[in-house]
Amino acid sequence: MHVTSHKQAMKSFVFTTKTRRSEEIKLRVLRVFVVKILNEILFMNSIKRTILVTGASSGIGRAIARNLLQQGYHVIGVSRDSGKFIRQMDNFTPVQLDLSRLNELPQKARELEQAFPEIDAVIFCAGRGQFGSVEEFSYAQIEDLMTLNFTSQAFLVKALLPALKRKDHGDLIFIGSEAALKGSRKGAMYCAAKFACAALPKPCAKSAAKATCGSA
């Protein structure tokens, strides 16, 4: 079983302006970069798998889901609003799930396992950025940001990891950020959440290695 964290590092690409156009280009290049990494991890074109993707309705999650579908994988796309999936596609199953509702996640995860026992990979893409000095955040805002960007992922790992360990091929893939490696101005809470996400995979991989033959 493989537990992997891939950072959204774009050091080889330089953008000198902060225009909306440059940010769109940066995001497009980033999506290509992440998808390329995933192709290597999931052994594209060798095994057809069932992959759960959180945050599948927009951004990097949407790009990843689309690429997996093009490769013939069965994708279970998780989104807070499944109405954003306006077109039916072969091998794509939309699932409406609000990851911010932690009290509901254990039961929802059990329902996912029962409905899709063939799940053998999870890609965590859901998240959002919110920036400001620590003292500018309310207590509720801190809780909400950490819940979506880290705690909900930890909940899903706890729920889904036992079944993934029993499979011949099992992957947990976390989409991280450079923010986990270095702080940014007015980014304390976001960086803290991403740092937590970056720290989670290694212990999970060691735990999986004790129960299975392979690890990463």
C-alpha atoms as a PDB file:
ATOM      1  CA  MET A   1       0.000   0.000   0.000  1.00  0.00           C
ATOM      2  CA  HIS A   2       1.236   3.492  -0.835  1.00  0.00           C
ATOM      3  CA  VAL A   3       0.630   6.633   1.185  1.00  0.00           C
ATOM      4  CA  THR A   4       1.965   9.667  -0.615  1.00  0.00           C
ATOM      5  CA  SER A   5       2.081  13.436  -0.280  1.00  0.00           C
ATOM      6  CA  HIS A   6       2.821  15.569  -3.335  1.00  0.00           C
ATOM      7  CA  LYS A   7       3.557  19.259  -2.830  1.00  0.00           C
ATOM      8  CA  GLN A   8       2.341  21.900  -5.204  1.00  0.00           C
ATOM      9  CA  ALA A   9       5.881  23.156  -5.829  1.00  0.00           C
ATOM     10  CA  MET A  10       6.304  25.346  -8.877  1.00  0.00           C
ATOM     11  CA  LYS A  11       9.892  26.557  -8.398  1.00  0.00           C
ATOM     12  CA  SER A  12      10.767  25.884 -12.043  1.00  0.00           C
ATOM     13  CA  PHE A  13       8.094  28.304 -13.228  1.00  0.00           C
ATOM     14  CA  VAL A  14       8.453  32.038 -12.691  1.00  0.00           C
ATOM     15  CA  PHE A  15       5.564  34.491 -12.912  1.00  0.00           C
ATOM     16  CA  THR A  16       6.579  38.121 -12.632  1.00  0.00           C
ATOM     17  CA  THR A  17       3.113  39.664 -12.466  1.00  0.00           C
ATOM     18  CA  LYS A  18       0.126  39.059 -10.240  1.00  0.00           C
ATOM     19  CA  THR A  19      -2.520  39.536 -12.880  1.00  0.00           C
ATOM     20  CA  ARG A  20      -5.520  37.256 -13.091  1.00  0.00           C
ATOM     21  CA  ARG A  21      -4.172  35.910 -16.379  1.00  0.00           C
ATOM     22  CA  SER A  22      -0.847  34.907 -14.823  1.00  0.00           C
ATOM     23  CA  GLU A  23      -2.647  33.141 -11.979  1.00  0.00           C
ATOM     24  CA  GLU A  24      -4.769  31.219 -14.495  1.00  0.00           C
ATOM     25  CA  ILE A  25      -1.610  30.123 -16.333  1.00  0.00           C
ATOM     26  CA  LYS A  26       0.021  29.099 -13.054  1.00  0.00           C
ATOM     27  CA  LEU A  27      -3.002  27.004 -12.074  1.00  0.00           C
ATOM     28  CA  ARG A  28      -3.089  25.364 -15.510  1.00  0.00           C
ATOM     29  CA  VAL A  29       0.595  24.409 -15.312  1.00  0.00           C
ATOM     30  CA  LEU A  30       0.106  23.203 -11.754  1.00  0.00           C
ATOM     31  CA  ARG A  31      -2.734  20.915 -12.821  1.00  0.00           C
ATOM     32  CA  VAL A  32      -0.549  19.384 -15.543  1.00  0.00           C
ATOM     33  CA  PHE A  33       2.270  18.930 -13.039  1.00  0.00           C
ATOM     34  CA  VAL A  34       0.037  17.176 -10.478  1.00  0.00           C
ATOM     35  CA  VAL A  35      -1.633  14.941 -13.066  1.00  0.00           C
ATOM     36  CA  LYS A  36       1.797  13.852 -14.358  1.00  0.00           C
ATOM     37  CA  ILE A  37       2.829  12.832 -10.842  1.00  0.00           C
ATOM     38  CA  LEU A  38      -0.405  10.906 -10.346  1.00  0.00           C
ATOM     39  CA  ASN A  39       0.107   9.043 -13.604  1.00  0.00           C
ATOM     40  CA  GLU A  40       3.380   7.716 -12.223  1.00  0.00           C
ATOM     41  CA  ILE A  41       1.906   6.738  -8.846  1.00  0.00           C
ATOM     42  CA  LEU A  42      -1.205   4.980 -10.101  1.00  0.00           C
ATOM     43  CA  PHE A  43       0.504   2.996 -12.873  1.00  0.00           C
ATOM     44  CA  MET A  44      -1.718   4.385 -15.582  1.00  0.00           C
ATOM     45  CA  ASN A  45      -2.837   2.031 -18.354  1.00  0.00           C
ATOM     46  CA  SER A  46      -1.817  -1.053 -16.353  1.00  0.00           C
ATOM     47  CA  ILE A  47      -4.620  -1.647 -13.853  1.00  0.00           C
ATOM     48  CA  LYS A  48      -8.123  -0.251 -13.977  1.00  0.00           C
ATOM     49  CA  ARG A  49      -9.005   0.983 -10.533  1.00  0.00           C
ATOM     50  CA  THR A  50     -11.769   2.691  -8.564  1.00  0.00           C
ATOM     51  CA  ILE A  51     -10.587   6.010  -7.191  1.00  0.00           C
ATOM     52  CA  LEU A  52     -12.284   8.356  -4.744  1.00  0.00           C
ATOM     53  CA  VAL A  53     -11.465  12.025  -5.411  1.00  0.00           C
ATOM     54  CA  THR A  54     -12.478  14.732  -2.947  1.00  0.00           C
ATOM     55  CA  GLY A  55     -12.992  18.264  -4.214  1.00  0.00           C
ATOM     56  CA  ALA A  56     -13.795  16.817  -7.635  1.00  0.00           C
ATOM     57  CA  SER A  57     -16.110  19.591  -8.799  1.00  0.00           C
ATOM     58  CA  SER A  58     -13.493  22.318  -9.304  1.00  0.00           C
ATOM     59  CA  GLY A  59      -9.818  23.217  -9.550  1.00  0.00           C
ATOM     60  CA  ILE A  60      -7.151  20.530  -9.320  1.00  0.00           C
ATOM     61  CA  GLY A  61      -9.652  17.925  -8.126  1.00  0.00           C
ATOM     62  CA  ARG A  62     -11.737  18.395 -11.257  1.00  0.00           C
ATOM     63  CA  ALA A  63      -8.663  18.199 -13.508  1.00  0.00           C
ATOM     64  CA  ILE A  64      -7.524  15.003 -11.780  1.00  0.00           C
ATOM     65  CA  ALA A  65     -10.958  13.406 -12.018  1.00  0.00           C
ATOM     66  CA  ARG A  66     -11.195  14.244 -15.722  1.00  0.00           C
ATOM     67  CA  ASN A  67      -7.759  12.761 -16.412  1.00  0.00           C
ATOM     68  CA  LEU A  68      -8.580   9.548 -14.540  1.00  0.00           C
ATOM     69  CA  LEU A  69     -11.792   9.164 -16.526  1.00  0.00           C
ATOM     70  CA  GLN A  70      -9.863   9.582 -19.769  1.00  0.00           C
ATOM     71  CA  GLN A  71      -7.656   6.699 -18.634  1.00  0.00           C
ATOM     72  CA  GLY A  72     -10.715   4.486 -18.148  1.00  0.00           C
ATOM     73  CA  TYR A  73     -10.800   4.505 -14.355  1.00  0.00           C
ATOM     74  CA  HIS A  74     -13.971   4.494 -12.288  1.00  0.00           C
ATOM     75  CA  VAL A  75     -14.020   7.798 -10.433  1.00  0.00           C
ATOM     76  CA  ILE A  76     -16.144   8.552  -7.398  1.00  0.00           C
ATOM     77  CA  GLY A  77     -16.263  12.330  -7.271  1.00  0.00           C
ATOM     78  CA  VAL A  78     -16.958  13.881  -3.887  1.00  0.00           C
ATOM     79  CA  SER A  79     -18.266  17.422  -3.707  1.00  0.00           C
ATOM     80  CA  ARG A  80     -20.235  19.536  -1.274  1.00  0.00           C
ATOM     81  CA  ASP A  81     -22.647  20.270  -4.129  1.00  0.00           C
ATOM     82  CA  SER A  82     -23.148  17.391  -6.566  1.00  0.00           C
ATOM     83  CA  GLY A  83     -25.291  19.703  -8.673  1.00  0.00           C
ATOM     84  CA  LYS A  84     -22.047  21.057 -10.109  1.00  0.00           C
ATOM     85  CA  PHE A  85     -21.697  17.792 -12.025  1.00  0.00           C
ATOM     86  CA  ILE A  86     -24.104  18.814 -14.764  1.00  0.00           C
ATOM     87  CA  ARG A  87     -23.182  16.145 -17.316  1.00  0.00           C
ATOM     88  CA  GLN A  88     -23.428  12.391 -16.885  1.00  0.00           C
ATOM     89  CA  MET A  89     -20.253  10.509 -17.772  1.00  0.00           C
ATOM     90  CA  ASP A  90     -19.402   6.841 -18.045  1.00  0.00           C
ATOM     91  CA  ASN A  91     -17.479   5.504 -15.050  1.00  0.00           C
ATOM     92  CA  PHE A  92     -18.169   8.627 -12.997  1.00  0.00           C
ATOM     93  CA  THR A  93     -20.255   8.522  -9.832  1.00  0.00           C
ATOM     94  CA  PRO A  94     -20.980  11.834  -8.085  1.00  0.00           C
ATOM     95  CA  VAL A  95     -21.293  11.817  -4.303  1.00  0.00           C
ATOM     96  CA  GLN A  96     -22.561  14.792  -2.337  1.00  0.00           C
ATOM     97  CA  LEU A  97     -20.673  15.064   0.927  1.00  0.00           C
ATOM     98  CA  ASP A  98     -19.920  18.117   3.069  1.00  0.00           C
ATOM     99  CA  LEU A  99     -16.508  17.420   4.587  1.00  0.00           C
ATOM    100  CA  SER A 100     -16.937  20.238   7.085  1.00  0.00           C
ATOM    101  CA  ARG A 101     -19.597  18.241   8.950  1.00  0.00           C
ATOM    102  CA  LEU A 102     -17.254  16.086  10.969  1.00  0.00           C
ATOM    103  CA  ASN A 103     -19.998  14.472  13.043  1.00  0.00           C
ATOM    104  CA  GLU A 104     -21.456  12.962   9.860  1.00  0.00           C
ATOM    105  CA  LEU A 105     -18.196  11.731   8.317  1.00  0.00           C
ATOM    106  CA  PRO A 106     -17.839   8.341  10.099  1.00  0.00           C
ATOM    107  CA  GLN A 107     -21.293   7.230   8.958  1.00  0.00           C
ATOM    108  CA  LYS A 108     -20.841   8.695   5.467  1.00  0.00           C
ATOM    109  CA  ALA A 109     -17.509   6.898   5.114  1.00  0.00           C
ATOM    110  CA  ARG A 110     -19.137   3.591   6.095  1.00  0.00           C
ATOM    111  CA  GLU A 111     -21.826   4.184   3.478  1.00  0.00           C
ATOM    112  CA  LEU A 112     -19.157   4.867   0.856  1.00  0.00           C
ATOM    113  CA  GLU A 113     -17.382   1.609   1.690  1.00  0.00           C
ATOM    114  CA  GLN A 114     -20.606  -0.344   1.507  1.00  0.00           C
ATOM    115  CA  ALA A 115     -21.664   1.233  -1.780  1.00  0.00           C
ATOM    116  CA  PHE A 116     -18.203   1.031  -3.385  1.00  0.00           C
ATOM    117  CA  PRO A 117     -16.196  -1.817  -1.826  1.00  0.00           C
ATOM    118  CA  GLU A 118     -13.917  -1.752  -4.871  1.00  0.00           C
ATOM    119  CA  ILE A 119     -12.355   1.612  -3.885  1.00  0.00           C
ATOM    120  CA  ASP A 120      -8.584   1.100  -3.902  1.00  0.00           C
ATOM    121  CA  ALA A 121      -7.291   4.683  -3.976  1.00  0.00           C
ATOM    122  CA  VAL A 122      -8.237   8.030  -2.452  1.00  0.00           C
ATOM    123  CA  ILE A 123      -6.961  11.398  -3.677  1.00  0.00           C
ATOM    124  CA  PHE A 124      -7.520  14.273  -1.253  1.00  0.00           C
ATOM    125  CA  CYS A 125      -8.018  17.500  -3.199  1.00  0.00           C
ATOM    126  CA  ALA A 126     -10.711  19.295  -1.188  1.00  0.00           C
ATOM    127  CA  GLY A 127      -9.614  22.429   0.612  1.00  0.00           C
ATOM    128  CA  ARG A 128      -9.642  26.201   0.543  1.00  0.00           C
ATOM    129  CA  GLY A 129      -7.370  29.102   1.269  1.00  0.00           C
ATOM    130  CA  GLN A 130      -8.098  31.809   3.823  1.00  0.00           C
ATOM    131  CA  PHE A 131      -5.452  34.328   4.759  1.00  0.00           C
ATOM    132  CA  GLY A 132      -4.826  36.900   7.428  1.00  0.00           C
ATOM    133  CA  SER A 133      -2.902  37.381  10.640  1.00  0.00           C
ATOM    134  CA  VAL A 134      -3.758  34.884  13.371  1.00  0.00           C
ATOM    135  CA  GLU A 135      -5.419  37.549  15.469  1.00  0.00           C
ATOM    136  CA  GLU A 136      -7.649  38.486  12.533  1.00  0.00           C
ATOM    137  CA  PHE A 137      -9.268  35.036  12.512  1.00  0.00           C
ATOM    138  CA  SER A 138     -12.247  34.291  14.695  1.00  0.00           C
ATOM    139  CA  TYR A 139     -12.168  31.044  16.656  1.00  0.00           C
ATOM    140  CA  ALA A 140     -14.880  29.675  14.385  1.00  0.00           C
ATOM    141  CA  GLN A 141     -12.864  30.551  11.258  1.00  0.00           C
ATOM    142  CA  ILE A 142      -9.805  28.743  12.614  1.00  0.00           C
ATOM    143  CA  GLU A 143     -11.893  25.668  13.338  1.00  0.00           C
ATOM    144  CA  ASP A 144     -13.558  25.731   9.907  1.00  0.00           C
ATOM    145  CA  LEU A 145     -10.261  26.081   8.032  1.00  0.00           C
ATOM    146  CA  MET A 146      -8.539  23.278   9.941  1.00  0.00           C
ATOM    147  CA  THR A 147     -11.611  21.057   9.630  1.00  0.00           C
ATOM    148  CA  LEU A 148     -11.778  21.225   5.853  1.00  0.00           C
ATOM    149  CA  ASN A 149      -8.054  21.322   5.098  1.00  0.00           C
ATOM    150  CA  PHE A 150      -6.892  18.691   7.578  1.00  0.00           C
ATOM    151  CA  THR A 151      -9.260  17.119  10.130  1.00  0.00           C
ATOM    152  CA  SER A 152     -11.782  15.846   7.582  1.00  0.00           C
ATOM    153  CA  GLN A 153      -8.941  14.152   5.686  1.00  0.00           C
ATOM    154  CA  ALA A 154      -7.727  12.492   8.881  1.00  0.00           C
ATOM    155  CA  PHE A 155     -11.274  11.255   9.543  1.00  0.00           C
ATOM    156  CA  LEU A 156     -11.512   9.703   6.071  1.00  0.00           C
ATOM    157  CA  VAL A 157      -8.080   8.093   6.417  1.00  0.00           C
ATOM    158  CA  LYS A 158      -9.124   6.490   9.718  1.00  0.00           C
ATOM    159  CA  ALA A 159     -12.335   5.190   8.135  1.00  0.00           C
ATOM    160  CA  LEU A 160     -10.938   3.933   4.822  1.00  0.00           C
ATOM    161  CA  LEU A 161      -7.404   2.796   5.673  1.00  0.00           C
ATOM    162  CA  PRO A 162      -8.273  -0.648   7.123  1.00  0.00           C
ATOM    163  CA  ALA A 163     -10.004  -1.761   3.914  1.00  0.00           C
ATOM    164  CA  LEU A 164      -7.261  -0.290   1.721  1.00  0.00           C
ATOM    165  CA  LYS A 165      -4.627  -2.258   3.635  1.00  0.00           C
ATOM    166  CA  ARG A 166      -6.333  -5.504   2.651  1.00  0.00           C
ATOM    167  CA  LYS A 167      -6.178  -4.763  -1.073  1.00  0.00           C
ATOM    168  CA  ASP A 168      -3.417  -5.736  -3.494  1.00  0.00           C
ATOM    169  CA  HIS A 169      -3.170  -2.121  -4.601  1.00  0.00           C
ATOM    170  CA  GLY A 170      -4.077   0.682  -2.229  1.00  0.00           C
ATOM    171  CA  ASP A 171      -3.142   4.353  -2.391  1.00  0.00           C
ATOM    172  CA  LEU A 172      -3.808   7.420  -0.264  1.00  0.00           C
ATOM    173  CA  ILE A 173      -2.631  10.530  -2.099  1.00  0.00           C
ATOM    174  CA  PHE A 174      -2.565  13.956  -0.475  1.00  0.00           C
ATOM    175  CA  ILE A 175      -2.338  17.113  -2.557  1.00  0.00           C
ATOM    176  CA  GLY A 176      -0.150  19.345  -0.412  1.00  0.00           C
ATOM    177  CA  SER A 177       1.333  22.793  -0.748  1.00  0.00           C
ATOM    178  CA  GLU A 178       4.605  24.662  -0.546  1.00  0.00           C
ATOM    179  CA  ALA A 179       2.948  26.367   2.403  1.00  0.00           C
ATOM    180  CA  ALA A 180       3.758  23.231   4.386  1.00  0.00           C
ATOM    181  CA  LEU A 181       7.465  23.879   3.892  1.00  0.00           C
ATOM    182  CA  LYS A 182       7.713  27.599   4.447  1.00  0.00           C
ATOM    183  CA  GLY A 183       5.466  30.178   6.023  1.00  0.00           C
ATOM    184  CA  SER A 184       3.867  32.986   4.102  1.00  0.00           C
ATOM    185  CA  ARG A 185       2.790  36.438   5.152  1.00  0.00           C
ATOM    186  CA  LYS A 186      -0.714  36.320   6.626  1.00  0.00           C
ATOM    187  CA  GLY A 187      -0.788  32.582   5.958  1.00  0.00           C
ATOM    188  CA  ALA A 188      -0.264  31.147   9.440  1.00  0.00           C
ATOM    189  CA  MET A 189      -3.493  29.146   9.702  1.00  0.00           C
ATOM    190  CA  TYR A 190      -3.407  27.881   6.105  1.00  0.00           C
ATOM    191  CA  CYS A 191       0.257  26.902   6.464  1.00  0.00           C
ATOM    192  CA  ALA A 192      -0.499  25.110   9.734  1.00  0.00           C
ATOM    193  CA  ALA A 193      -3.227  23.041   8.070  1.00  0.00           C
ATOM    194  CA  LYS A 194      -1.000  22.125   5.132  1.00  0.00           C
ATOM    195  CA  PHE A 195       1.880  21.267   7.440  1.00  0.00           C
ATOM    196  CA  ALA A 196      -0.427  18.852   9.266  1.00  0.00           C
ATOM    197  CA  CYS A 197      -1.401  17.259   5.945  1.00  0.00           C
ATOM    198  CA  ALA A 198       2.246  16.882   4.987  1.00  0.00           C
ATOM    199  CA  ALA A 199       2.984  15.148   8.302  1.00  0.00           C
ATOM    200  CA  LEU A 200       0.138  12.620   8.061  1.00  0.00           C
ATOM    201  CA  PRO A 201       1.323  10.349   5.179  1.00  0.00           C
ATOM    202  CA  LYS A 202       4.596   9.054   6.641  1.00  0.00           C
ATOM    203  CA  PRO A 203       3.136   7.533   9.835  1.00  0.00           C
ATOM    204  CA  CYS A 204       0.299   6.065   7.756  1.00  0.00           C
ATOM    205  CA  ALA A 205       2.809   4.495   5.385  1.00  0.00           C
ATOM    206  CA  LYS A 206       4.734   2.947   8.275  1.00  0.00           C
ATOM    207  CA  SER A 207       1.518   1.588   9.749  1.00  0.00           C
ATOM    208  CA  ALA A 208       0.542   0.129   6.386  1.00  0.00           C
ATOM    209  CA  ALA A 209       3.965  -1.452   5.970  1.00  0.00           C
ATOM    210  CA  LYS A 210       3.461  -3.501   9.134  1.00  0.00           C
ATOM    211  CA  ALA A 211       0.260  -4.982   7.775  1.00  0.00           C
ATOM    212  CA  THR A 212       1.120  -5.341   4.076  1.00  0.00           C
ATOM    213  CA  CYS A 213       4.087  -6.159   1.872  1.00  0.00           C
ATOM    214  CA  GLY A 214       4.541  -2.843   0.149  1.00  0.00           C
ATOM    215  CA  SER A 215       4.819   0.764   1.210  1.00  0.00           C
ATOM    216  CA  ALA A 216       5.994   4.086  -0.123  1.00  0.00           C
END
